Amino acid sequence: MDVLETLRNLVEIPSPSGEEDRLIEFLMDTFTEMGYEPITIEKEGVRDIVLNPEAEVWVVTHLDTVPIKRGFSFDGVYAYGTGVCDTKGSITSILLALNEVKELKLGIALLSDEEEGGKGSEIFVESFEPRKAIVMEPTSLKIANVHYGSLEIVAEFKGVSSHGSMPEFGRNAIDLAIDAIIKLKRTINEPVKFFVQEIKGGGDEYKIPDRCSLRIDFVFPPSVKLSDLKKTVLDLLENAEVRIVEEDEGFVSNDVVSLLENAIKMAGIDVEYGEMPSWTDAINLKKAGWDVVVFGPGELHYCHTERERIAVDEILKAKEILIALNEIVV
């Protein structure tokens, strides 16, 4: 099985969130041709693929991507294209490993809807008792044993309209939103990070806008308590109506880390550690009682952009690590 051909085949099957079916059917056929017996679990139209459901140690990643921004290409070192790193490079390493192992002892779960609502991991944890899992996401092959929490909000600002030539008779809701952003930037410091994901307000009618909304995402390490951050944010946004879209604590991985460490060493690769600053399916597994760590090939900072890329060499190293992991699990 060729790494580049496998990766290209996966990337050239578009699978934005909600449109994973073609990729699911392709992978189901591929697993069957390799001699495995894949099953799917489904709820409310969301489907996951599972191999070896009785396993105690699992490798988990997701099938879906963000909307397509770029087609597949290869420059001799890096492969490019939407999903190539997040996370079809990881799926490629799983397929390559499965093609070489003599007896599969790991559980494999390929989940839908990670990029949107995380429903794939929700239905997965409803179907299985808590176990150990490596969730494959881009970490540059570092063990991300520290997983950040997240807080996503929508803040609605209400102003007062007036004719555009006489702003002194109105109250500009966009100005109120900008003032709130400045206040947040002055107050929210490391290790908490945040960015304004979306801003809506105003229009082409010549008047002072009386409505503006901000969608803001905060990420923070486990040392920061969600309740404390939420109180700070709500206090700073006291002049807005705030809706919580998503909120999750961060966590530190447990015993599963040593399994992954041993597999990396067995594969002859240096063990490095890092952090996962983004929401991943690992959050839903952790909340359900799983012992989970995040690890995988690729650079996270390029993901979700037209610059998304992955070094093919990292996919091959990940394959060797998965083979070693399969050998050491009971």
Protein backbone atom coordinates (compact mmCIF):
# COMPACT_ATOMS: atom_id res chain seq x y z
CA MET A 1 0.00 0.00 0.00
CA ASP A 2 1.55 3.29 -1.13
CA VAL A 3 1.39 6.20 1.31
CA LEU A 4 0.94 8.96 -1.27
CA GLU A 5 -1.67 7.09 -3.31
CA THR A 6 -3.62 6.23 -0.16
CA LEU A 7 -3.55 9.81 1.08
CA ARG A 8 -4.54 11.18 -2.32
CA ASN A 9 -7.49 8.78 -2.55
CA LEU A 10 -8.75 9.91 0.85
CA VAL A 11 -8.34 13.62 0.19
CA GLU A 12 -9.97 13.42 -3.23
CA ILE A 13 -13.16 12.09 -1.62
CA PRO A 14 -14.67 15.30 -0.20
CA SER A 15 -15.99 14.82 3.34
CA PRO A 16 -17.01 18.16 4.88
CA SER A 17 -19.03 17.74 8.08
CA GLY A 18 -22.39 16.22 7.23
CA GLU A 19 -21.10 14.79 3.93
CA GLU A 20 -19.00 11.85 5.16
CA ASP A 21 -21.03 9.05 3.52
CA ARG A 22 -18.87 8.61 0.39
CA LEU A 23 -15.72 8.37 2.48
CA ILE A 24 -17.41 5.96 4.90
CA GLU A 25 -18.42 3.63 2.06
CA PHE A 26 -14.91 3.80 0.56
CA LEU A 27 -13.30 2.93 3.89
CA MET A 28 -15.80 0.17 4.65
CA ASP A 29 -14.91 -1.43 1.30
CA THR A 30 -11.19 -0.90 1.94
CA PHE A 31 -11.32 -2.52 5.38
CA THR A 32 -13.29 -5.48 3.99
CA GLU A 33 -10.79 -5.97 1.15
CA MET A 34 -8.00 -5.99 3.77
CA GLY A 35 -9.76 -8.84 5.58
CA TYR A 36 -11.29 -6.88 8.46
CA GLU A 37 -14.92 -6.79 9.56
CA PRO A 38 -15.90 -3.14 9.96
CA ILE A 39 -19.17 -2.10 11.53
CA THR A 40 -20.92 1.25 11.71
CA ILE A 41 -22.78 2.82 14.59
CA GLU A 42 -25.36 5.44 13.75
CA LYS A 43 -27.64 7.91 15.46
CA GLU A 44 -29.67 10.76 13.98
CA GLY A 45 -27.90 10.44 10.65
CA VAL A 46 -24.37 10.56 12.08
CA ARG A 47 -22.27 7.45 11.36
CA ASP A 48 -18.99 6.16 12.78
CA ILE A 49 -16.81 3.26 11.61
CA VAL A 50 -15.53 0.78 14.19
CA LEU A 51 -13.05 -2.10 13.98
CA ASN A 52 -12.42 -4.66 16.73
CA PRO A 53 -15.06 -3.42 19.20
CA GLU A 54 -13.88 -5.65 22.08
CA ALA A 55 -10.47 -3.96 22.29
CA GLU A 56 -9.26 -2.28 25.47
CA VAL A 57 -6.99 0.26 23.74
CA TRP A 58 -8.31 2.36 20.88
CA VAL A 59 -7.01 4.58 18.11
CA VAL A 60 -9.58 7.24 17.27
CA THR A 61 -9.73 9.99 14.66
CA HIS A 62 -12.33 11.79 12.58
CA LEU A 63 -13.57 11.50 9.02
CA ASP A 64 -14.91 14.99 8.37
CA THR A 65 -13.13 18.13 7.26
CA VAL A 66 -13.88 21.83 7.12
CA PRO A 67 -15.32 23.10 3.79
CA ILE A 68 -12.99 22.45 0.86
CA LYS A 69 -10.38 25.16 0.34
CA ARG A 70 -7.75 23.42 -1.79
CA GLY A 71 -7.29 20.27 -3.83
CA PHE A 72 -4.57 17.66 -3.39
CA SER A 73 -0.96 18.32 -4.43
CA PHE A 74 2.51 17.11 -3.48
CA ASP A 75 5.85 18.94 -3.68
CA GLY A 76 8.12 16.01 -2.87
CA VAL A 77 8.08 16.57 0.89
CA TYR A 78 4.65 17.91 1.84
CA ALA A 79 1.20 16.93 0.66
CA TYR A 80 -1.33 19.76 0.50
CA GLY A 81 -5.11 19.95 0.46
CA THR A 82 -8.14 20.27 2.70
CA GLY A 83 -8.15 17.42 5.20
CA VAL A 84 -4.68 16.20 4.27
CA CYS A 85 -3.53 16.89 7.83
CA ASP A 86 -6.84 17.19 9.68
CA THR A 87 -7.06 14.21 9.73
CA LYS A 88 -6.70 12.15 6.56
CA GLY A 89 -2.97 11.89 7.14
CA SER A 90 -3.79 10.09 10.39
CA ILE A 91 -6.32 7.85 8.62
CA THR A 92 -3.61 7.04 6.07
CA SER A 93 -1.21 5.97 8.85
CA ILE A 94 -3.97 3.77 10.31
CA LEU A 95 -4.62 2.10 6.95
CA LEU A 96 -0.91 1.52 6.34
CA ALA A 97 -0.52 0.00 9.82
CA LEU A 98 -3.57 -2.24 9.39
CA ASN A 99 -2.10 -3.49 6.12
CA GLU A 100 0.98 -4.75 7.98
CA VAL A 101 -0.18 -6.04 11.37
CA LYS A 102 -0.71 -9.79 11.63
CA GLU A 103 -3.32 -9.63 14.38
CA LEU A 104 -5.28 -6.49 15.20
CA LYS A 105 -5.43 -5.94 18.95
CA LEU A 106 -6.28 -2.25 18.87
CA GLY A 107 -9.77 -0.89 18.47
CA ILE A 108 -10.17 1.56 15.60
CA ALA A 109 -12.84 4.26 15.51
CA LEU A 110 -13.29 6.76 12.68
CA LEU A 111 -15.80 9.38 13.72
CA SER A 112 -18.04 11.85 11.90
CA ASP A 113 -18.92 15.44 12.78
CA GLU A 114 -15.81 16.44 14.75
CA GLU A 115 -15.53 19.80 13.01
CA GLU A 116 -19.11 20.80 13.78
CA GLY A 117 -20.91 19.45 16.84
CA GLY A 118 -18.79 16.47 17.92
CA LYS A 119 -21.79 14.17 17.58
CA GLY A 120 -19.66 11.32 16.23
CA SER A 121 -17.71 11.04 19.48
CA GLU A 122 -20.92 11.49 21.48
CA ILE A 123 -22.54 8.43 19.90
CA PHE A 124 -19.25 6.52 20.12
CA VAL A 125 -18.97 6.93 23.91
CA GLU A 126 -22.64 6.00 24.28
CA SER A 127 -21.84 2.67 22.60
CA PHE A 128 -18.75 1.61 24.60
CA GLU A 129 -17.62 1.45 28.20
CA PRO A 130 -14.69 3.77 29.09
CA ARG A 131 -11.31 2.41 28.02
CA LYS A 132 -7.98 3.84 26.84
CA ALA A 133 -7.66 5.79 23.61
CA ILE A 134 -5.18 7.69 21.48
CA VAL A 135 -7.08 10.38 19.60
CA MET A 136 -5.18 11.21 16.42
CA GLU A 137 -4.99 14.92 15.65
CA PRO A 138 -2.08 17.01 14.34
CA THR A 139 0.54 17.33 17.11
CA SER A 140 3.72 17.02 15.01
CA LEU A 141 4.08 13.54 16.57
CA LYS A 142 4.32 15.03 20.07
CA ILE A 143 2.39 13.44 22.91
CA ALA A 144 -0.21 16.09 23.75
CA ASN A 145 -0.83 14.92 27.30
CA VAL A 146 -2.11 18.39 28.25
CA HIS A 147 -5.44 19.20 26.61
CA TYR A 148 -6.83 22.72 26.76
CA GLY A 149 -10.37 23.54 27.70
CA SER A 150 -12.58 25.84 25.64
CA LEU A 151 -15.24 28.48 26.09
CA GLU A 152 -17.17 29.72 23.05
CA ILE A 153 -19.67 32.54 23.41
CA VAL A 154 -21.88 34.81 21.36
CA ALA A 155 -22.23 38.35 22.75
CA GLU A 156 -25.09 40.55 21.49
CA PHE A 157 -24.73 44.33 21.82
CA LYS A 158 -27.72 46.65 21.59
CA GLY A 159 -27.34 50.30 20.66
CA VAL A 160 -29.65 53.10 19.54
CA SER A 161 -30.23 53.99 15.89
CA SER A 162 -30.02 57.49 14.51
CA HIS A 163 -29.46 59.07 11.12
CA GLY A 164 -25.92 58.40 9.91
CA SER A 165 -25.09 62.12 9.69
CA MET A 166 -25.96 62.64 13.35
CA PRO A 167 -24.28 59.83 15.35
CA GLU A 168 -24.48 61.89 18.55
CA PHE A 169 -28.18 61.06 18.70
CA GLY A 170 -27.54 57.33 18.58
CA ARG A 171 -25.40 54.70 20.23
CA ASN A 172 -23.36 52.60 17.83
CA ALA A 173 -23.57 48.88 18.67
CA ILE A 174 -20.43 48.19 16.63
CA ASP A 175 -18.54 50.69 18.78
CA LEU A 176 -19.81 48.89 21.87
CA ALA A 177 -18.52 45.58 20.47
CA ILE A 178 -15.12 47.09 19.63
CA ASP A 179 -14.86 48.57 23.12
CA ALA A 180 -15.60 45.10 24.55
CA ILE A 181 -12.88 43.52 22.42
CA ILE A 182 -10.37 46.13 23.65
CA LYS A 183 -11.41 45.47 27.24
CA LEU A 184 -10.96 41.72 26.77
CA LYS A 185 -7.52 42.20 25.20
CA ARG A 186 -6.41 44.35 28.12
CA THR A 187 -7.68 41.90 30.74
CA ILE A 188 -7.41 38.34 29.37
CA ASN A 189 -3.76 37.30 29.47
CA GLU A 190 -1.68 34.17 29.01
CA PRO A 191 -2.14 31.31 29.53
CA VAL A 192 -5.69 32.01 28.28
CA LYS A 193 -5.92 32.76 24.56
CA PHE A 194 -8.92 34.07 22.64
CA PHE A 195 -9.90 35.35 19.23
CA VAL A 196 -12.95 36.96 17.65
CA GLN A 197 -14.22 34.33 15.23
CA GLU A 198 -17.09 36.34 13.78
CA ILE A 199 -18.55 39.84 13.94
CA LYS A 200 -21.95 40.83 12.58
CA GLY A 201 -23.54 44.26 12.58
CA GLY A 202 -24.57 47.24 10.52
CA GLY A 203 -25.48 47.29 6.87
CA ASP A 204 -25.73 49.49 3.80
CA GLU A 205 -28.58 51.61 5.17
CA TYR A 206 -27.31 55.05 6.23
CA LYS A 207 -27.97 54.86 9.94
CA ILE A 208 -26.14 54.15 13.17
CA PRO A 209 -26.29 50.36 13.72
CA ASP A 210 -28.22 49.34 16.80
CA ARG A 211 -27.21 45.66 16.76
CA CYS A 212 -23.86 43.88 16.69
CA SER A 213 -22.83 40.37 17.69
CA LEU A 214 -19.46 38.79 18.40
CA ARG A 215 -18.58 35.11 18.39
CA ILE A 216 -15.53 34.68 20.60
CA ASP A 217 -13.55 31.54 21.37
CA PHE A 218 -11.33 31.15 24.46
CA VAL A 219 -8.88 28.29 25.05
CA PHE A 220 -7.09 27.64 28.31
CA PRO A 221 -4.89 25.00 29.99
CA PRO A 222 -6.14 22.72 32.79
CA SER A 223 -4.56 25.04 35.37
CA VAL A 224 -7.28 27.59 34.57
CA LYS A 225 -10.73 26.84 35.98
CA LEU A 226 -13.58 27.20 33.52
CA SER A 227 -15.82 28.75 36.19
CA ASP A 228 -13.25 31.47 36.96
CA LEU A 229 -12.72 32.33 33.31
CA LYS A 230 -16.43 32.38 32.61
CA LYS A 231 -17.05 34.79 35.51
CA THR A 232 -14.30 37.11 34.27
CA VAL A 233 -15.65 37.12 30.73
CA LEU A 234 -19.26 37.68 31.79
CA ASP A 235 -18.19 40.54 34.07
CA LEU A 236 -16.26 42.18 31.23
CA LEU A 237 -19.24 41.78 28.90
CA GLU A 238 -21.82 43.05 31.37
CA ASN A 239 -23.29 45.39 28.74
CA ALA A 240 -24.01 42.53 26.34
CA GLU A 241 -26.39 39.61 26.22
CA VAL A 242 -24.08 36.57 26.32
CA ARG A 243 -24.96 33.08 25.14
CA ILE A 244 -22.65 30.15 25.95
CA VAL A 245 -22.18 28.03 22.82
CA GLU A 246 -19.68 25.54 24.21
CA GLU A 247 -17.78 25.07 27.46
CA ASP A 248 -15.36 22.34 28.48
CA GLU A 249 -12.64 21.96 31.09
CA GLY A 250 -9.12 21.02 30.08
CA PHE A 251 -7.42 17.86 31.35
CA VAL A 252 -4.13 16.01 31.76
CA SER A 253 -3.85 12.48 30.38
CA ASN A 254 -3.20 9.49 32.64
CA ASP A 255 -1.84 5.94 32.17
CA VAL A 256 -2.42 5.80 28.41
CA VAL A 257 0.56 8.13 28.01
CA SER A 258 3.01 5.41 29.06
CA LEU A 259 1.60 3.04 26.44
CA LEU A 260 2.15 5.63 23.74
CA GLU A 261 5.62 6.45 25.06
CA ASN A 262 6.64 2.79 24.85
CA ALA A 263 5.28 2.47 21.32
CA ILE A 264 7.18 5.55 20.15
CA LYS A 265 10.41 4.24 21.67
CA MET A 266 9.83 0.81 20.13
CA ALA A 267 9.47 2.50 16.74
CA GLY A 268 12.88 4.14 17.24
CA ILE A 269 11.52 7.67 17.42
CA ASP A 270 12.33 10.33 20.02
CA VAL A 271 9.57 10.95 22.57
CA GLU A 272 8.44 14.58 22.72
CA TYR A 273 5.59 16.22 24.62
CA GLY A 274 3.26 19.04 23.75
CA GLU A 275 -0.21 20.46 24.27
CA MET A 276 -3.48 20.32 22.36
CA PRO A 277 -4.88 23.86 22.43
CA SER A 278 -7.99 23.07 20.36
CA TRP A 279 -11.23 21.24 21.03
CA THR A 280 -11.02 17.62 19.85
CA ASP A 281 -13.06 14.45 20.23
CA ALA A 282 -10.79 13.66 23.18
CA ILE A 283 -12.92 16.05 25.25
CA ASN A 284 -16.05 13.93 24.78
CA LEU A 285 -14.13 10.73 25.51
CA LYS A 286 -12.62 12.23 28.66
CA LYS A 287 -16.01 13.44 29.91
CA ALA A 288 -17.32 9.88 29.45
CA GLY A 289 -14.52 8.48 31.63
CA TRP A 290 -11.97 7.40 29.02
CA ASP A 291 -8.23 7.64 29.66
CA VAL A 292 -7.27 9.55 26.54
CA VAL A 293 -4.30 11.33 24.97
CA VAL A 294 -3.93 13.24 21.69
CA PHE A 295 -1.20 12.43 19.18
CA GLY A 296 -0.68 12.44 15.45
CA PRO A 297 1.21 13.63 12.36
CA GLY A 298 0.97 17.14 10.98
CA GLU A 299 1.12 20.79 12.03
CA LEU A 300 -2.04 22.12 13.65
CA HIS A 301 -1.48 25.80 12.82
CA TYR A 302 -1.92 25.21 9.07
CA CYS A 303 -5.22 23.35 9.48
CA HIS A 304 -8.55 24.92 8.46
CA THR A 305 -6.68 27.13 5.96
CA GLU A 306 -5.69 26.97 2.30
CA ARG A 307 -2.11 26.30 3.53
CA GLU A 308 -2.98 22.95 5.15
CA ARG A 309 -0.16 20.48 4.62
CA ILE A 310 1.49 17.36 6.03
CA ALA A 311 4.96 15.85 5.71
CA VAL A 312 4.62 12.37 4.22
CA ASP A 313 7.53 11.24 6.40
CA GLU A 314 5.45 11.98 9.52
CA ILE A 315 2.64 9.74 8.24
CA LEU A 316 5.12 6.89 7.82
CA LYS A 317 6.51 7.43 11.33
CA ALA A 318 2.97 7.44 12.73
CA LYS A 319 2.35 4.13 10.95
CA GLU A 320 5.39 2.55 12.66
CA ILE A 321 4.23 3.85 16.03
CA LEU A 322 0.75 2.35 15.53
CA ILE A 323 2.27 -1.00 14.56
CA ALA A 324 4.40 -0.92 17.73
CA LEU A 325 1.37 0.07 19.83
CA ASN A 326 -0.56 -2.88 18.45
CA GLU A 327 2.29 -5.20 19.47
CA ILE A 328 2.49 -4.04 23.10
CA VAL A 329 -1.20 -3.94 24.03
CA VAL A 330 -2.58 -6.97 25.82
